[in-house]
Amino acid sequence: MITALDINSKYGYTYWDSLVLATALQHNCNILSSEDMQANQLIEQKTIIINPFLVTQLE
């Protein structure tokens, strides 16, 4: 199991953001909404971070 310190070291997030990510991974969360973390980043091939305020154009 990946820990917050592992995520902090590997992805460069703060400890508190890493703790949120580690918890999401531990509970098999596929999507994490955050306006502060890097949008569309896939963490450990399991959890993707989305920004709920980011507007995308639909074609």
Protein backbone atom coordinates (compact mmCIF):
# COMPACT_ATOMS: atom_id res chain seq x y z
CA MET A 1 0.00 0.00 0.00
CA ILE A 2 1.33 3.43 -0.95
CA THR A 3 1.57 5.97 1.87
CA ALA A 4 1.30 9.74 1.95
CA LEU A 5 5.07 10.01 2.31
CA ASP A 6 5.53 7.84 -0.80
CA ILE A 7 3.20 10.08 -2.80
CA ASN A 8 4.90 13.18 -1.44
CA SER A 9 8.27 11.85 -2.56
CA LYS A 10 7.15 10.48 -5.94
CA TYR A 11 4.73 13.20 -7.12
CA GLY A 12 5.88 16.24 -5.14
CA TYR A 13 2.57 17.07 -3.49
CA THR A 14 2.44 18.54 0.00
CA TYR A 15 2.04 16.08 2.85
CA TRP A 16 -1.62 17.02 3.33
CA ASP A 17 -2.48 16.64 -0.37
CA SER A 18 -0.53 13.37 -0.38
CA LEU A 19 -2.59 12.18 2.59
CA VAL A 20 -5.81 12.88 0.66
CA LEU A 21 -4.43 11.00 -2.36
CA ALA A 22 -3.28 8.03 -0.27
CA THR A 23 -6.72 7.82 1.32
CA ALA A 24 -8.42 7.95 -2.10
CA LEU A 25 -6.15 5.13 -3.33
CA GLN A 26 -6.74 3.06 -0.20
CA HIS A 27 -10.51 3.29 -0.74
CA ASN A 28 -10.29 2.54 -4.48
CA CYS A 29 -11.46 5.99 -5.55
CA ASN A 30 -11.17 6.33 -9.34
CA ILE A 31 -11.72 10.09 -9.44
CA LEU A 32 -10.57 12.80 -7.05
CA SER A 33 -11.90 16.34 -7.51
CA SER A 34 -9.48 19.12 -6.62
CA GLU A 35 -8.91 22.64 -7.84
CA ASP A 36 -5.43 22.75 -6.25
CA MET A 37 -3.80 19.59 -7.60
CA GLN A 38 -2.64 18.97 -11.17
CA ALA A 39 -5.71 18.27 -13.30
CA ASN A 40 -5.82 15.04 -15.32
CA GLN A 41 -2.88 13.51 -13.49
CA LEU A 42 -3.19 9.77 -12.96
CA ILE A 43 -1.83 8.61 -9.61
CA GLU A 44 -0.51 5.04 -9.37
CA GLN A 45 -2.55 4.03 -12.44
CA LYS A 46 -5.67 4.09 -10.26
CA THR A 47 -6.90 7.57 -9.35
CA ILE A 48 -7.25 10.52 -11.71
CA ILE A 49 -7.40 14.09 -10.44
CA ILE A 50 -9.97 16.32 -12.06
CA ASN A 51 -10.59 20.02 -11.57
CA PRO A 52 -14.36 20.52 -11.27
CA PHE A 53 -13.98 24.20 -12.19
CA LEU A 54 -11.96 23.65 -15.36
CA VAL A 55 -14.12 24.31 -18.42
CA THR A 56 -13.44 22.13 -21.43
CA GLN A 57 -14.84 22.58 -24.89
CA LEU A 58 -16.91 19.80 -26.34
CA GLU A 59 -16.63 19.16 -30.04
